[in-house]
Amino acid sequence: DSEHGQLRFHGETQLEDGVGPRHLAFHPGGGYAYVINELNSSVTTLRYSSEDGRLTPLETISTLPSDFEGESSCAEIAVSSDGRTVYGSNRGHDSIVVFTVHQ
């Protein structure tokens, strides 16, 4: 609320149980956001509606290779300035996952 200089509750978004959302990054185009999930090593894509501030989950993708065995968690997420790539960090697997964004 810029008129009153206050944050106001606008809504909430429910992700799958046990994923442990850690960080969120918006796509530079404004229509999407990406959440890195610490506990299950995944990234959730959300559609963002600026009109009502709603984030709607679309899909969740693992940040780990299918043959990985061991403990890992996620930490950081970033979107490239051109919006073509999403990066996420894996702790335990000690890697950076790189996703290409379908335009």
PDB file of N, CA and C in Angstrom:
ATOM      1  N   ASP A   1       0.852  -1.167   0.000  1.00  0.00           N
ATOM      2  CA  ASP A   1       0.000   0.000   0.000  1.00  0.00           C
ATOM      3  C   ASP A   1       0.903   1.236   0.000  1.00  0.00           C
ATOM      4  N   SER A   2       1.223   1.729  -1.183  1.00  0.00           N
ATOM      5  CA  SER A   2       2.154   2.865  -1.277  1.00  0.00           C
ATOM      6  C   SER A   2       1.551   4.149  -0.694  1.00  0.00           C
ATOM      7  N   GLU A   3       0.246   4.262  -0.684  1.00  0.00           N
ATOM      8  CA  GLU A   3      -0.406   5.447  -0.128  1.00  0.00           C
ATOM      9  C   GLU A   3      -0.158   5.565   1.372  1.00  0.00           C
ATOM     10  N   HIS A   4      -0.149   4.430   2.076  1.00  0.00           N
ATOM     11  CA  HIS A   4       0.034   4.428   3.518  1.00  0.00           C
ATOM     12  C   HIS A   4       1.412   3.937   3.946  1.00  0.00           C
ATOM     13  N   GLY A   5       2.253   3.547   2.987  1.00  0.00           N
ATOM     14  CA  GLY A   5       3.594   3.071   3.315  1.00  0.00           C
ATOM     15  C   GLY A   5       3.607   1.787   4.125  1.00  0.00           C
ATOM     16  N   GLN A   6       2.659   0.890   3.828  1.00  0.00           N
ATOM     17  CA  GLN A   6       2.540  -0.346   4.590  1.00  0.00           C
ATOM     18  C   GLN A   6       2.423  -1.555   3.660  1.00  0.00           C
ATOM     19  N   LEU A   7       2.909  -2.688   4.157  1.00  0.00           N
ATOM     20  CA  LEU A   7       2.666  -3.943   3.464  1.00  0.00           C
ATOM     21  C   LEU A   7       1.308  -4.466   3.900  1.00  0.00           C
ATOM     22  N   ARG A   8       0.539  -4.970   2.954  1.00  0.00           N
ATOM     23  CA  ARG A   8      -0.775  -5.520   3.270  1.00  0.00           C
ATOM     24  C   ARG A   8      -0.858  -6.942   2.716  1.00  0.00           C
ATOM     25  N   PHE A   9      -1.508  -7.823   3.473  1.00  0.00           N
ATOM     26  CA  PHE A   9      -1.710  -9.197   3.030  1.00  0.00           C
ATOM     27  C   PHE A   9      -2.486  -9.192   1.723  1.00  0.00           C
ATOM     28  N   HIS A  10      -1.977  -9.940   0.745  1.00  0.00           N
ATOM     29  CA  HIS A  10      -2.600  -9.945  -0.574  1.00  0.00           C
ATOM     30  C   HIS A  10      -3.094 -11.322  -0.967  1.00  0.00           C
ATOM     31  N   GLY A  11      -2.550 -12.357  -0.380  1.00  0.00           N
ATOM     32  CA  GLY A  11      -2.960 -13.719  -0.710  1.00  0.00           C
ATOM     33  C   GLY A  11      -1.825 -14.675  -0.401  1.00  0.00           C
ATOM     34  N   GLU A  12      -2.064 -15.945  -0.617  1.00  0.00           N
ATOM     35  CA  GLU A  12      -1.030 -16.936  -0.375  1.00  0.00           C
ATOM     36  C   GLU A  12      -1.088 -17.996  -1.460  1.00  0.00           C
ATOM     37  N   THR A  13       0.020 -18.687  -1.630  1.00  0.00           N
ATOM     38  CA  THR A  13       0.132 -19.747  -2.614  1.00  0.00           C
ATOM     39  C   THR A  13       0.564 -21.016  -1.909  1.00  0.00           C
ATOM     40  N   GLN A  14      -0.145 -22.094  -2.165  1.00  0.00           N
ATOM     41  CA  GLN A  14       0.172 -23.373  -1.546  1.00  0.00           C
ATOM     42  C   GLN A  14       0.985 -24.217  -2.522  1.00  0.00           C
ATOM     43  N   LEU A  15       2.172 -24.657  -2.076  1.00  0.00           N
ATOM     44  CA  LEU A  15       2.972 -25.602  -2.850  1.00  0.00           C
ATOM     45  C   LEU A  15       2.786 -26.986  -2.250  1.00  0.00           C
ATOM     46  N   GLU A  16       3.334 -27.998  -2.914  1.00  0.00           N
ATOM     47  CA  GLU A  16       3.226 -29.368  -2.428  1.00  0.00           C
ATOM     48  C   GLU A  16       3.801 -29.465  -1.013  1.00  0.00           C
ATOM     49  N   ASP A  17       3.236 -30.327  -0.199  1.00  0.00           N
ATOM     50  CA  ASP A  17       3.744 -30.556   1.151  1.00  0.00           C
ATOM     51  C   ASP A  17       5.172 -31.072   1.100  1.00  0.00           C
ATOM     52  N   GLY A  18       6.014 -30.547   1.988  1.00  0.00           N
ATOM     53  CA  GLY A  18       7.366 -31.065   2.158  1.00  0.00           C
ATOM     54  C   GLY A  18       8.417 -30.574   1.188  1.00  0.00           C
ATOM     55  N   VAL A  19       8.082 -29.631   0.288  1.00  0.00           N
ATOM     56  CA  VAL A  19       9.088 -29.174  -0.675  1.00  0.00           C
ATOM     57  C   VAL A  19      10.052 -28.154  -0.071  1.00  0.00           C
ATOM     58  N   GLY A  20       9.595 -27.370   0.881  1.00  0.00           N
ATOM     59  CA  GLY A  20      10.460 -26.393   1.542  1.00  0.00           C
ATOM     60  C   GLY A  20      10.882 -25.241   0.656  1.00  0.00           C
ATOM     61  N   PRO A  21       9.938 -24.398   0.196  1.00  0.00           N
ATOM     62  CA  PRO A  21      10.311 -23.253  -0.640  1.00  0.00           C
ATOM     63  C   PRO A  21      11.335 -22.366   0.066  1.00  0.00           C
ATOM     64  N   ARG A  22      12.399 -21.988  -0.664  1.00  0.00           N
ATOM     65  CA  ARG A  22      13.487 -21.219  -0.058  1.00  0.00           C
ATOM     66  C   ARG A  22      13.603 -19.820  -0.647  1.00  0.00           C
ATOM     67  N   HIS A  23      13.706 -19.725  -1.962  1.00  0.00           N
ATOM     68  CA  HIS A  23      13.854 -18.422  -2.632  1.00  0.00           C
ATOM     69  C   HIS A  23      12.950 -18.371  -3.853  1.00  0.00           C
ATOM     70  N   LEU A  24      12.606 -17.151  -4.257  1.00  0.00           N
ATOM     71  CA  LEU A  24      11.762 -16.904  -5.415  1.00  0.00           C
ATOM     72  C   LEU A  24      12.456 -15.891  -6.308  1.00  0.00           C
ATOM     73  N   ALA A  25      12.342 -16.092  -7.631  1.00  0.00           N
ATOM     74  CA  ALA A  25      12.880 -15.131  -8.599  1.00  0.00           C
ATOM     75  C   ALA A  25      11.826 -14.923  -9.687  1.00  0.00           C
ATOM     76  N   PHE A  26      11.579 -13.654 -10.034  1.00  0.00           N
ATOM     77  CA  PHE A  26      10.628 -13.330 -11.090  1.00  0.00           C
ATOM     78  C   PHE A  26      11.309 -13.341 -12.450  1.00  0.00           C
ATOM     79  N   HIS A  27      10.562 -13.776 -13.458  1.00  0.00           N
ATOM     80  CA  HIS A  27      11.005 -13.668 -14.846  1.00  0.00           C
ATOM     81  C   HIS A  27      10.968 -12.182 -15.204  1.00  0.00           C
ATOM     82  N   PRO A  28      11.935 -11.689 -15.988  1.00  0.00           N
ATOM     83  CA  PRO A  28      11.944 -10.253 -16.299  1.00  0.00           C
ATOM     84  C   PRO A  28      10.707  -9.782 -17.061  1.00  0.00           C
ATOM     85  N   GLY A  29      10.009 -10.687 -17.718  1.00  0.00           N
ATOM     86  CA  GLY A  29       8.773 -10.323 -18.417  1.00  0.00           C
ATOM     87  C   GLY A  29       7.605 -10.106 -17.476  1.00  0.00           C
ATOM     88  N   GLY A  30       7.752 -10.562 -16.224  1.00  0.00           N
ATOM     89  CA  GLY A  30       6.749 -10.300 -15.197  1.00  0.00           C
ATOM     90  C   GLY A  30       5.628 -11.309 -15.084  1.00  0.00           C
ATOM     91  N   GLY A  31       5.465 -12.206 -16.038  1.00  0.00           N
ATOM     92  CA  GLY A  31       4.332 -13.112 -16.010  1.00  0.00           C
ATOM     93  C   GLY A  31       4.569 -14.431 -15.289  1.00  0.00           C
ATOM     94  N   TYR A  32       5.822 -14.670 -14.880  1.00  0.00           N
ATOM     95  CA  TYR A  32       6.153 -15.936 -14.225  1.00  0.00           C
ATOM     96  C   TYR A  32       7.126 -15.695 -13.082  1.00  0.00           C
ATOM     97  N   ALA A  33       7.142 -16.658 -12.169  1.00  0.00           N
ATOM     98  CA  ALA A  33       8.114 -16.659 -11.077  1.00  0.00           C
ATOM     99  C   ALA A  33       8.567 -18.097 -10.889  1.00  0.00           C
ATOM    100  N   TYR A  34       9.734 -18.245 -10.279  1.00  0.00           N
ATOM    101  CA  TYR A  34      10.316 -19.564 -10.046  1.00  0.00           C
ATOM    102  C   TYR A  34      10.721 -19.655  -8.586  1.00  0.00           C
ATOM    103  N   VAL A  35      10.336 -20.767  -7.935  1.00  0.00           N
ATOM    104  CA  VAL A  35      10.675 -20.998  -6.535  1.00  0.00           C
ATOM    105  C   VAL A  35      11.602 -22.196  -6.469  1.00  0.00           C
ATOM    106  N   ILE A  36      12.732 -22.037  -5.760  1.00  0.00           N
ATOM    107  CA  ILE A  36      13.598 -23.182  -5.524  1.00  0.00           C
ATOM    108  C   ILE A  36      13.196 -23.805  -4.195  1.00  0.00           C
ATOM    109  N   ASN A  37      13.011 -25.116  -4.225  1.00  0.00           N
ATOM    110  CA  ASN A  37      12.526 -25.860  -3.066  1.00  0.00           C
ATOM    111  C   ASN A  37      13.690 -26.593  -2.419  1.00  0.00           C
ATOM    112  N   GLU A  38      14.032 -26.164  -1.218  1.00  0.00           N
ATOM    113  CA  GLU A  38      15.217 -26.653  -0.521  1.00  0.00           C
ATOM    114  C   GLU A  38      15.129 -28.128  -0.153  1.00  0.00           C
ATOM    115  N   LEU A  39      14.000 -28.578   0.343  1.00  0.00           N
ATOM    116  CA  LEU A  39      13.923 -29.906   0.943  1.00  0.00           C
ATOM    117  C   LEU A  39      13.846 -31.050  -0.058  1.00  0.00           C
ATOM    118  N   ASN A  40      13.235 -30.840  -1.224  1.00  0.00           N
ATOM    119  CA  ASN A  40      13.150 -31.936  -2.193  1.00  0.00           C
ATOM    120  C   ASN A  40      13.930 -31.666  -3.485  1.00  0.00           C
ATOM    121  N   SER A  41      14.800 -30.657  -3.460  1.00  0.00           N
ATOM    122  CA  SER A  41      15.668 -30.343  -4.611  1.00  0.00           C
ATOM    123  C   SER A  41      14.858 -30.235  -5.904  1.00  0.00           C
ATOM    124  N   SER A  42      14.031 -29.204  -5.960  1.00  0.00           N
ATOM    125  CA  SER A  42      13.209 -28.986  -7.142  1.00  0.00           C
ATOM    126  C   SER A  42      12.979 -27.492  -7.365  1.00  0.00           C
ATOM    127  N   VAL A  43      12.452 -27.168  -8.550  1.00  0.00           N
ATOM    128  CA  VAL A  43      12.052 -25.801  -8.893  1.00  0.00           C
ATOM    129  C   VAL A  43      10.592 -25.848  -9.318  1.00  0.00           C
ATOM    130  N   THR A  44       9.788 -24.937  -8.772  1.00  0.00           N
ATOM    131  CA  THR A  44       8.383 -24.824  -9.156  1.00  0.00           C
ATOM    132  C   THR A  44       8.207 -23.559  -9.984  1.00  0.00           C
ATOM    133  N   THR A  45       7.579 -23.712 -11.147  1.00  0.00           N
ATOM    134  CA  THR A  45       7.227 -22.577 -12.006  1.00  0.00           C
ATOM    135  C   THR A  45       5.827 -22.123 -11.624  1.00  0.00           C
ATOM    136  N   LEU A  46       5.664 -20.803 -11.484  1.00  0.00           N
ATOM    137  CA  LEU A  46       4.364 -20.231 -11.124  1.00  0.00           C
ATOM    138  C   LEU A  46       3.992 -19.144 -12.127  1.00  0.00           C
ATOM    139  N   ARG A  47       2.729 -19.088 -12.469  1.00  0.00           N
ATOM    140  CA  ARG A  47       2.225 -17.972 -13.275  1.00  0.00           C
ATOM    141  C   ARG A  47       1.920 -16.835 -12.307  1.00  0.00           C
ATOM    142  N   TYR A  48       2.320 -15.609 -12.679  1.00  0.00           N
ATOM    143  CA  TYR A  48       2.080 -14.450 -11.816  1.00  0.00           C
ATOM    144  C   TYR A  48       1.081 -13.515 -12.473  1.00  0.00           C
ATOM    145  N   SER A  49       0.034 -13.161 -11.744  1.00  0.00           N
ATOM    146  CA  SER A  49      -0.947 -12.190 -12.200  1.00  0.00           C
ATOM    147  C   SER A  49      -0.730 -10.893 -11.437  1.00  0.00           C
ATOM    148  N   SER A  50      -0.250  -9.878 -12.126  1.00  0.00           N
ATOM    149  CA  SER A  50       0.009  -8.599 -11.456  1.00  0.00           C
ATOM    150  C   SER A  50      -1.285  -7.890 -11.066  1.00  0.00           C
ATOM    151  N   GLU A  51      -2.386  -8.214 -11.726  1.00  0.00           N
ATOM    152  CA  GLU A  51      -3.660  -7.560 -11.421  1.00  0.00           C
ATOM    153  C   GLU A  51      -4.158  -7.900 -10.019  1.00  0.00           C
ATOM    154  N   ASP A  52      -4.009  -9.179  -9.641  1.00  0.00           N
ATOM    155  CA  ASP A  52      -4.489  -9.558  -8.312  1.00  0.00           C
ATOM    156  C   ASP A  52      -3.379 -10.108  -7.416  1.00  0.00           C
ATOM    157  N   GLY A  53      -2.142 -10.106  -7.910  1.00  0.00           N
ATOM    158  CA  GLY A  53      -1.009 -10.549  -7.115  1.00  0.00           C
ATOM    159  C   GLY A  53      -0.965 -12.043  -6.878  1.00  0.00           C
ATOM    160  N   ARG A  54      -1.696 -12.801  -7.673  1.00  0.00           N
ATOM    161  CA  ARG A  54      -1.788 -14.250  -7.465  1.00  0.00           C
ATOM    162  C   ARG A  54      -0.660 -14.993  -8.170  1.00  0.00           C
ATOM    163  N   LEU A  55      -0.083 -15.984  -7.451  1.00  0.00           N
ATOM    164  CA  LEU A  55       0.908 -16.902  -7.995  1.00  0.00           C
ATOM    165  C   LEU A  55       0.257 -18.277  -8.093  1.00  0.00           C
ATOM    166  N   THR A  56       0.198 -18.836  -9.294  1.00  0.00           N
ATOM    167  CA  THR A  56      -0.436 -20.130  -9.528  1.00  0.00           C
ATOM    168  C   THR A  56       0.613 -21.153  -9.951  1.00  0.00           C
ATOM    169  N   PRO A  57       0.820 -22.219  -9.172  1.00  0.00           N
ATOM    170  CA  PRO A  57       1.817 -23.230  -9.535  1.00  0.00           C
ATOM    171  C   PRO A  57       1.452 -23.923 -10.851  1.00  0.00           C
ATOM    172  N   LEU A  58       2.468 -24.099 -11.716  1.00  0.00           N
ATOM    173  CA  LEU A  58       2.259 -24.759 -13.003  1.00  0.00           C
ATOM    174  C   LEU A  58       2.931 -26.129 -13.066  1.00  0.00           C
ATOM    175  N   GLU A  59       4.202 -26.188 -12.657  1.00  0.00           N
ATOM    176  CA  GLU A  59       4.918 -27.465 -12.676  1.00  0.00           C
ATOM    177  C   GLU A  59       6.095 -27.408 -11.713  1.00  0.00           C
ATOM    178  N   THR A  60       6.517 -28.595 -11.282  1.00  0.00           N
ATOM    179  CA  THR A  60       7.677 -28.723 -10.408  1.00  0.00           C
ATOM    180  C   THR A  60       8.632 -29.723 -11.053  1.00  0.00           C
ATOM    181  N   ILE A  61       9.918 -29.333 -11.151  1.00  0.00           N
ATOM    182  CA  ILE A  61      10.935 -30.138 -11.827  1.00  0.00           C
ATOM    183  C   ILE A  61      12.113 -30.344 -10.881  1.00  0.00           C
ATOM    184  N   SER A  62      12.657 -31.543 -10.869  1.00  0.00           N
ATOM    185  CA  SER A  62      13.822 -31.852 -10.042  1.00  0.00           C
ATOM    186  C   SER A  62      15.048 -31.084 -10.525  1.00  0.00           C
ATOM    187  N   THR A  63      15.907 -30.727  -9.589  1.00  0.00           N
ATOM    188  CA  THR A  63      17.177 -30.079  -9.929  1.00  0.00           C
ATOM    189  C   THR A  63      18.325 -31.084  -9.990  1.00  0.00           C
ATOM    190  N   LEU A  64      18.018 -32.354  -9.746  1.00  0.00           N
ATOM    191  CA  LEU A  64      19.051 -33.398  -9.677  1.00  0.00           C
ATOM    192  C   LEU A  64      18.925 -34.367 -10.851  1.00  0.00           C
ATOM    193  N   PRO A  65      20.041 -34.957 -11.278  1.00  0.00           N
ATOM    194  CA  PRO A  65      19.961 -35.994 -12.302  1.00  0.00           C
ATOM    195  C   PRO A  65      19.213 -37.209 -11.756  1.00  0.00           C
ATOM    196  N   SER A  66      18.518 -37.930 -12.629  1.00  0.00           N
ATOM    197  CA  SER A  66      17.679 -39.054 -12.191  1.00  0.00           C
ATOM    198  C   SER A  66      18.479 -40.175 -11.528  1.00  0.00           C
ATOM    199  N   ASP A  67      19.766 -40.276 -11.838  1.00  0.00           N
ATOM    200  CA  ASP A  67      20.576 -41.359 -11.263  1.00  0.00           C
ATOM    201  C   ASP A  67      21.320 -40.949  -9.989  1.00  0.00           C
ATOM    202  N   PHE A  68      21.075 -39.735  -9.478  1.00  0.00           N
ATOM    203  CA  PHE A  68      21.770 -39.286  -8.268  1.00  0.00           C
ATOM    204  C   PHE A  68      21.247 -40.024  -7.049  1.00  0.00           C
ATOM    205  N   GLU A  69      22.171 -40.529  -6.252  1.00  0.00           N
ATOM    206  CA  GLU A  69      21.827 -41.152  -4.974  1.00  0.00           C
ATOM    207  C   GLU A  69      22.611 -40.434  -3.889  1.00  0.00           C
ATOM    208  N   GLY A  70      21.942 -39.981  -2.889  1.00  0.00           N
ATOM    209  CA  GLY A  70      22.603 -39.267  -1.808  1.00  0.00           C
ATOM    210  C   GLY A  70      21.729 -38.139  -1.314  1.00  0.00           C
ATOM    211  N   GLU A  71      22.283 -37.382  -0.389  1.00  0.00           N
ATOM    212  CA  GLU A  71      21.564 -36.254   0.208  1.00  0.00           C
ATOM    213  C   GLU A  71      21.906 -34.979  -0.545  1.00  0.00           C
ATOM    214  N   SER A  72      20.913 -34.165  -0.800  1.00  0.00           N
ATOM    215  CA  SER A  72      21.128 -32.872  -1.442  1.00  0.00           C
ATOM    216  C   SER A  72      19.980 -31.953  -1.067  1.00  0.00           C
ATOM    217  N   SER A  73      20.229 -30.667  -1.113  1.00  0.00           N
ATOM    218  CA  SER A  73      19.200 -29.653  -0.898  1.00  0.00           C
ATOM    219  C   SER A  73      19.529 -28.478  -1.801  1.00  0.00           C
ATOM    220  N   CYS A  74      18.603 -27.567  -1.940  1.00  0.00           N
ATOM    221  CA  CYS A  74      18.796 -26.414  -2.819  1.00  0.00           C
ATOM    222  C   CYS A  74      18.968 -25.134  -2.016  1.00  0.00           C
ATOM    223  N   ALA A  75      19.581 -24.141  -2.649  1.00  0.00           N
ATOM    224  CA  ALA A  75      19.816 -22.889  -1.945  1.00  0.00           C
ATOM    225  C   ALA A  75      19.333 -21.667  -2.730  1.00  0.00           C
ATOM    226  N   GLU A  76      19.914 -21.390  -3.865  1.00  0.00           N
ATOM    227  CA  GLU A  76      19.678 -20.124  -4.571  1.00  0.00           C
ATOM    228  C   GLU A  76      19.037 -20.370  -5.929  1.00  0.00           C
ATOM    229  N   ILE A  77      18.275 -19.391  -6.408  1.00  0.00           N
ATOM    230  CA  ILE A  77      17.702 -19.422  -7.747  1.00  0.00           C
ATOM    231  C   ILE A  77      17.887 -18.060  -8.382  1.00  0.00           C
ATOM    232  N   ALA A  78      18.131 -18.046  -9.692  1.00  0.00           N
ATOM    233  CA  ALA A  78      18.309 -16.787 -10.425  1.00  0.00           C
ATOM    234  C   ALA A  78      17.784 -16.975 -11.840  1.00  0.00           C
ATOM    235  N   VAL A  79      17.282 -15.888 -12.418  1.00  0.00           N
ATOM    236  CA  VAL A  79      16.817 -15.886 -13.799  1.00  0.00           C
ATOM    237  C   VAL A  79      17.718 -14.928 -14.566  1.00  0.00           C
ATOM    238  N   SER A  80      18.176 -15.356 -15.745  1.00  0.00           N
ATOM    239  CA  SER A  80      19.039 -14.489 -16.557  1.00  0.00           C
ATOM    240  C   SER A  80      18.278 -13.223 -16.944  1.00  0.00           C
ATOM    241  N   SER A  81      19.012 -12.154 -17.217  1.00  0.00           N
ATOM    242  CA  SER A  81      18.389 -10.865 -17.526  1.00  0.00           C
ATOM    243  C   SER A  81      17.567 -10.908 -18.813  1.00  0.00           C
ATOM    244  N   ASP A  82      17.883 -11.834 -19.730  1.00  0.00           N
ATOM    245  CA  ASP A  82      17.090 -11.960 -20.951  1.00  0.00           C
ATOM    246  C   ASP A  82      15.908 -12.912 -20.775  1.00  0.00           C
ATOM    247  N   GLY A  83      15.806 -13.549 -19.603  1.00  0.00           N
ATOM    248  CA  GLY A  83      14.678 -14.415 -19.296  1.00  0.00           C
ATOM    249  C   GLY A  83      14.722 -15.782 -19.943  1.00  0.00           C
ATOM    250  N   ARG A  84      15.812 -16.137 -20.570  1.00  0.00           N
ATOM    251  CA  ARG A  84      15.900 -17.419 -21.278  1.00  0.00           C
ATOM    252  C   ARG A  84      16.367 -18.583 -20.421  1.00  0.00           C
ATOM    253  N   THR A  85      16.967 -18.274 -19.259  1.00  0.00           N
ATOM    254  CA  THR A  85      17.586 -19.322 -18.456  1.00  0.00           C
ATOM    255  C   THR A  85      17.279 -19.126 -16.976  1.00  0.00           C
ATOM    256  N   VAL A  86      17.039 -20.253 -16.285  1.00  0.00           N
ATOM    257  CA  VAL A  86      16.862 -20.266 -14.833  1.00  0.00           C
ATOM    258  C   VAL A  86      17.977 -21.129 -14.253  1.00  0.00           C
ATOM    259  N   TYR A  87      18.639 -20.616 -13.217  1.00  0.00           N
ATOM    260  CA  TYR A  87      19.754 -21.315 -12.572  1.00  0.00           C
ATOM    261  C   TYR A  87      19.379 -21.619 -11.119  1.00  0.00           C
ATOM    262  N   GLY A  88      19.779 -22.792 -10.651  1.00  0.00           N
ATOM    263  CA  GLY A  88      19.552 -23.155  -9.259  1.00  0.00           C
ATOM    264  C   GLY A  88      20.757 -23.894  -8.703  1.00  0.00           C
ATOM    265  N   SER A  89      21.011 -23.717  -7.411  1.00  0.00           N
ATOM    266  CA  SER A  89      22.174 -24.386  -6.809  1.00  0.00           C
ATOM    267  C   SER A  89      21.744 -25.578  -5.980  1.00  0.00           C
ATOM    268  N   ASN A  90      22.539 -26.652  -6.080  1.00  0.00           N
ATOM    269  CA  ASN A  90      22.348 -27.880  -5.310  1.00  0.00           C
ATOM    270  C   ASN A  90      23.487 -28.024  -4.316  1.00  0.00           C
ATOM    271  N   ARG A  91      23.141 -28.173  -3.044  1.00  0.00           N
ATOM    272  CA  ARG A  91      24.129 -28.463  -2.006  1.00  0.00           C
ATOM    273  C   ARG A  91      24.058 -29.954  -1.712  1.00  0.00           C
ATOM    274  N   GLY A  92      25.184 -30.617  -1.705  1.00  0.00           N
ATOM    275  CA  GLY A  92      25.215 -32.068  -1.542  1.00  0.00           C
ATOM    276  C   GLY A  92      25.607 -32.686  -2.865  1.00  0.00           C
ATOM    277  N   HIS A  93      24.860 -32.362  -3.907  1.00  0.00           N
ATOM    278  CA  HIS A  93      25.236 -32.762  -5.259  1.00  0.00           C
ATOM    279  C   HIS A  93      26.334 -31.821  -5.760  1.00  0.00           C
ATOM    280  N   ASP A  94      26.445 -30.648  -5.121  1.00  0.00           N
ATOM    281  CA  ASP A  94      27.456 -29.637  -5.452  1.00  0.00           C
ATOM    282  C   ASP A  94      27.443 -29.283  -6.933  1.00  0.00           C
ATOM    283  N   SER A  95      26.299 -28.763  -7.384  1.00  0.00           N
ATOM    284  CA  SER A  95      26.152 -28.439  -8.806  1.00  0.00           C
ATOM    285  C   SER A  95      25.223 -27.246  -8.992  1.00  0.00           C
ATOM    286  N   ILE A  96      25.228 -26.750 -10.198  1.00  0.00           N
ATOM    287  CA  ILE A  96      24.293 -25.713 -10.630  1.00  0.00           C
ATOM    288  C   ILE A  96      23.424 -26.326 -11.719  1.00  0.00           C
ATOM    289  N   VAL A  97      22.120 -26.278 -11.529  1.00  0.00           N
ATOM    290  CA  VAL A  97      21.200 -26.764 -12.558  1.00  0.00           C
ATOM    291  C   VAL A  97      20.872 -25.585 -13.473  1.00  0.00           C
ATOM    292  N   VAL A  98      20.756 -25.854 -14.770  1.00  0.00           N
ATOM    293  CA  VAL A  98      20.456 -24.832 -15.761  1.00  0.00           C
ATOM    294  C   VAL A  98      19.228 -25.269 -16.552  1.00  0.00           C
ATOM    295  N   PHE A  99      18.164 -24.483 -16.466  1.00  0.00           N
ATOM    296  CA  PHE A  99      16.933 -24.757 -17.216  1.00  0.00           C
ATOM    297  C   PHE A  99      16.764 -23.720 -18.309  1.00  0.00           C
ATOM    298  N   THR A 100      16.337 -24.160 -19.484  1.00  0.00           N
ATOM    299  CA  THR A 100      15.991 -23.255 -20.569  1.00  0.00           C
ATOM    300  C   THR A 100      14.509 -22.938 -20.459  1.00  0.00           C
ATOM    301  N   VAL A 101      14.157 -21.670 -20.530  1.00  0.00           N
ATOM    302  CA  VAL A 101      12.761 -21.232 -20.431  1.00  0.00           C
ATOM    303  C   VAL A 101      12.144 -21.255 -21.820  1.00  0.00           C
ATOM    304  N   HIS A 102      11.016 -21.947 -21.951  1.00  0.00           N
ATOM    305  CA  HIS A 102      10.295 -21.954 -23.225  1.00  0.00           C
ATOM    306  C   HIS A 102       9.590 -20.612 -23.382  1.00  0.00           C
ATOM    307  N   GLN A 103       9.931 -19.893 -24.405  1.00  0.00           N
ATOM    308  CA  GLN A 103       9.359 -18.575 -24.634  1.00  0.00           C
ATOM    309  C   GLN A 103       7.945 -18.690 -25.157  1.00  0.00           C
TER     310      GLN A 103
END
